[in-house]
């Protein structure tokens, strides 16, 4: 398994992955392209690859990705997506660990919102040391659902 910086050529794969995941944030191609622009706010865009995890008939493309936005003095985790076929194999944990390492290096905390019903993601965040700090009523649409707000602080 390998984590690397995403490039604009990864955008179609990132969009394909997020479309496979109903709980992921769904961005337009334009939003992804803007995230790669040098004048854009500081963002961390990572992709996870791993031929050891890839189904035999799958093309060589990222199996997961992470997008985070640096809003000094903290990072906002905007999206973390892992292909359904390779979940529970440590990809999400590795992507999250890369973000937390960057947060340590920048002496920043990390916050995020997650659907209340997304138990797998919530368990991942809690296992990484995130603490629930709030709730946003009816934050998500289609379907309407509360967001749980989490915070991770540098120790």
Protein backbone atom coordinates (compact mmCIF):
# COMPACT_ATOMS: atom_id res chain seq x y z
CA UNK A 1 0.00 0.00 0.00
CA UNK A 2 1.33 3.39 -0.96
CA UNK A 3 0.13 6.91 -0.09
CA UNK A 4 1.15 9.69 -2.48
CA UNK A 5 0.22 13.27 -3.29
CA UNK A 6 -2.74 13.40 -5.65
CA UNK A 7 -2.37 15.09 -9.03
CA UNK A 8 -4.99 16.57 -11.36
CA UNK A 9 -4.84 13.37 -13.43
CA UNK A 10 -6.35 11.58 -10.40
CA UNK A 11 -9.55 13.66 -10.50
CA UNK A 12 -11.62 11.24 -12.65
CA UNK A 13 -10.63 8.35 -10.36
CA UNK A 14 -11.41 10.38 -7.23
CA UNK A 15 -14.82 11.29 -8.62
CA UNK A 16 -15.50 7.67 -9.56
CA UNK A 17 -14.57 6.51 -6.05
CA UNK A 18 -16.73 9.07 -4.29
CA UNK A 19 -19.71 8.18 -6.50
CA UNK A 20 -19.44 4.60 -5.22
CA UNK A 21 -19.78 5.87 -1.64
CA UNK A 22 -23.12 7.45 -0.72
CA UNK A 23 -21.76 8.92 2.54
CA UNK A 24 -18.81 10.68 0.82
CA UNK A 25 -18.83 14.35 -0.04
CA UNK A 26 -19.68 14.72 -3.71
CA UNK A 27 -17.72 17.45 -5.44
CA UNK A 28 -17.88 18.69 -8.99
CA UNK A 29 -14.89 18.31 -11.28
CA UNK A 30 -14.47 22.09 -11.09
CA UNK A 31 -14.13 21.97 -7.29
CA UNK A 32 -11.45 19.29 -7.53
CA UNK A 33 -9.59 21.28 -10.19
CA UNK A 34 -9.70 24.40 -8.00
CA UNK A 35 -8.25 22.42 -5.09
CA UNK A 36 -5.12 21.81 -7.18
CA UNK A 37 -4.65 25.47 -8.16
CA UNK A 38 -1.62 27.16 -6.56
CA UNK A 39 -3.70 30.18 -5.57
CA UNK A 40 -6.21 27.91 -3.83
CA UNK A 41 -6.25 27.73 -0.06
CA UNK A 42 -3.69 25.26 1.30
CA UNK A 43 -4.96 21.74 0.75
CA UNK A 44 -3.62 18.28 1.30
CA UNK A 45 -4.76 15.89 -1.44
CA UNK A 46 -3.60 12.29 -1.08
CA UNK A 47 -4.38 9.06 -2.88
CA UNK A 48 -3.85 5.49 -1.72
CA UNK A 49 -2.67 2.82 -4.10
CA UNK A 50 -1.89 -0.82 -3.54
CA UNK A 51 -1.67 -3.66 -5.99
CA UNK A 52 -1.78 -6.07 -3.03
CA UNK A 53 -5.35 -4.90 -2.31
CA UNK A 54 -6.62 -4.51 -5.85
CA UNK A 55 -9.11 -6.98 -7.27
CA UNK A 56 -7.45 -8.93 -10.10
CA UNK A 57 -9.70 -7.47 -12.82
CA UNK A 58 -9.43 -3.83 -11.66
CA UNK A 59 -7.55 -1.16 -13.63
CA UNK A 60 -4.60 0.60 -11.99
CA UNK A 61 -6.23 3.55 -10.26
CA UNK A 62 -6.36 4.94 -6.72
CA UNK A 63 -8.26 2.86 -4.16
CA UNK A 64 -8.88 5.75 -1.80
CA UNK A 65 -8.23 9.43 -1.29
CA UNK A 66 -8.26 12.21 1.27
CA UNK A 67 -8.82 15.95 0.90
CA UNK A 68 -8.08 18.33 3.77
CA UNK A 69 -8.09 22.12 3.89
CA UNK A 70 -5.65 24.06 6.08
CA UNK A 71 -7.48 26.88 7.81
CA UNK A 72 -4.74 28.03 10.17
CA UNK A 73 -4.59 27.07 13.00
CA UNK A 74 -6.45 23.90 12.06
CA UNK A 75 -7.09 21.42 9.27
CA UNK A 76 -10.56 20.49 8.09
CA UNK A 77 -10.90 16.94 6.78
CA UNK A 78 -13.19 17.52 3.82
CA UNK A 79 -13.37 14.04 2.34
CA UNK A 80 -11.99 10.59 3.04
CA UNK A 81 -13.06 7.86 0.60
CA UNK A 82 -12.07 4.21 0.30
CA UNK A 83 -13.34 1.95 -2.49
CA UNK A 84 -16.03 -0.39 -1.14
CA UNK A 85 -14.16 -3.47 -2.44
CA UNK A 86 -11.11 -2.77 -0.23
CA UNK A 87 -12.62 -1.42 2.97
CA UNK A 88 -11.40 -2.69 6.35
CA UNK A 89 -7.90 -3.27 5.01
CA UNK A 90 -6.26 -0.22 6.60
CA UNK A 91 -6.43 2.25 3.69
CA UNK A 92 -8.58 4.79 5.51
CA UNK A 93 -6.41 4.52 8.60
CA UNK A 94 -3.24 5.09 6.54
CA UNK A 95 -4.73 8.14 4.80
CA UNK A 96 -5.90 9.57 8.11
CA UNK A 97 -2.49 8.89 9.68
CA UNK A 98 -0.83 10.90 6.87
CA UNK A 99 -3.12 13.86 7.61
CA UNK A 100 -2.44 13.64 11.35
CA UNK A 101 1.31 13.57 10.69
CA UNK A 102 0.95 16.75 8.63
CA UNK A 103 -1.15 18.28 11.41
CA UNK A 104 1.58 17.47 13.95
CA UNK A 105 4.20 19.05 11.69
CA UNK A 106 2.11 22.23 11.38
CA UNK A 107 1.12 22.13 15.08
CA UNK A 108 -2.52 22.14 14.02
CA UNK A 109 -5.69 20.45 15.18
CA UNK A 110 -8.02 18.63 12.76
CA UNK A 111 -11.79 18.89 12.67
CA UNK A 112 -14.44 17.18 10.59
CA UNK A 113 -18.13 16.53 10.24
CA UNK A 114 -19.51 13.05 9.58
CA UNK A 115 -23.00 11.67 9.06
CA UNK A 116 -24.40 10.42 12.34
CA UNK A 117 -25.26 7.08 10.69
CA UNK A 118 -21.73 6.50 9.33
CA UNK A 119 -20.68 4.15 12.13
CA UNK A 120 -17.58 2.82 10.32
CA UNK A 121 -16.15 6.31 9.77
CA UNK A 122 -16.98 7.38 13.31
CA UNK A 123 -15.21 4.30 14.70
CA UNK A 124 -12.15 5.10 12.55
CA UNK A 125 -12.00 8.70 13.77
CA UNK A 126 -12.50 7.74 17.40
CA UNK A 127 -9.76 5.07 17.16
CA UNK A 128 -7.41 7.78 15.85
CA UNK A 129 -8.07 9.99 18.88
CA UNK A 130 -10.80 12.29 17.59
CA UNK A 131 -13.28 13.50 20.21
CA UNK A 132 -16.90 14.35 19.52
CA UNK A 133 -17.36 18.08 20.12
CA UNK A 134 -20.76 18.88 18.68
CA UNK A 135 -23.69 18.20 16.41
CA UNK A 136 -25.07 20.11 13.44
CA UNK A 137 -28.80 19.53 13.09
CA UNK A 138 -29.96 18.46 9.60
CA UNK A 139 -26.53 19.36 8.16
CA UNK A 140 -26.70 16.74 5.42
CA UNK A 141 -29.35 16.55 2.71
CA UNK A 142 -30.63 13.63 0.62
CA UNK A 143 -31.39 12.24 3.10
CA UNK A 144 -31.52 14.83 5.83
CA UNK A 145 -29.26 13.84 8.70
CA UNK A 146 -27.34 15.39 11.57
CA UNK A 147 -23.59 15.81 11.36
CA UNK A 148 -21.39 14.82 14.27
CA UNK A 149 -18.45 17.20 14.72
CA UNK A 150 -15.11 15.73 15.76
CA UNK A 151 -11.83 17.33 16.81
CA UNK A 152 -8.32 15.92 17.05
CA UNK A 153 -5.69 17.94 18.86
CA UNK A 154 -1.93 17.69 18.78
CA UNK A 155 -0.56 15.97 21.86
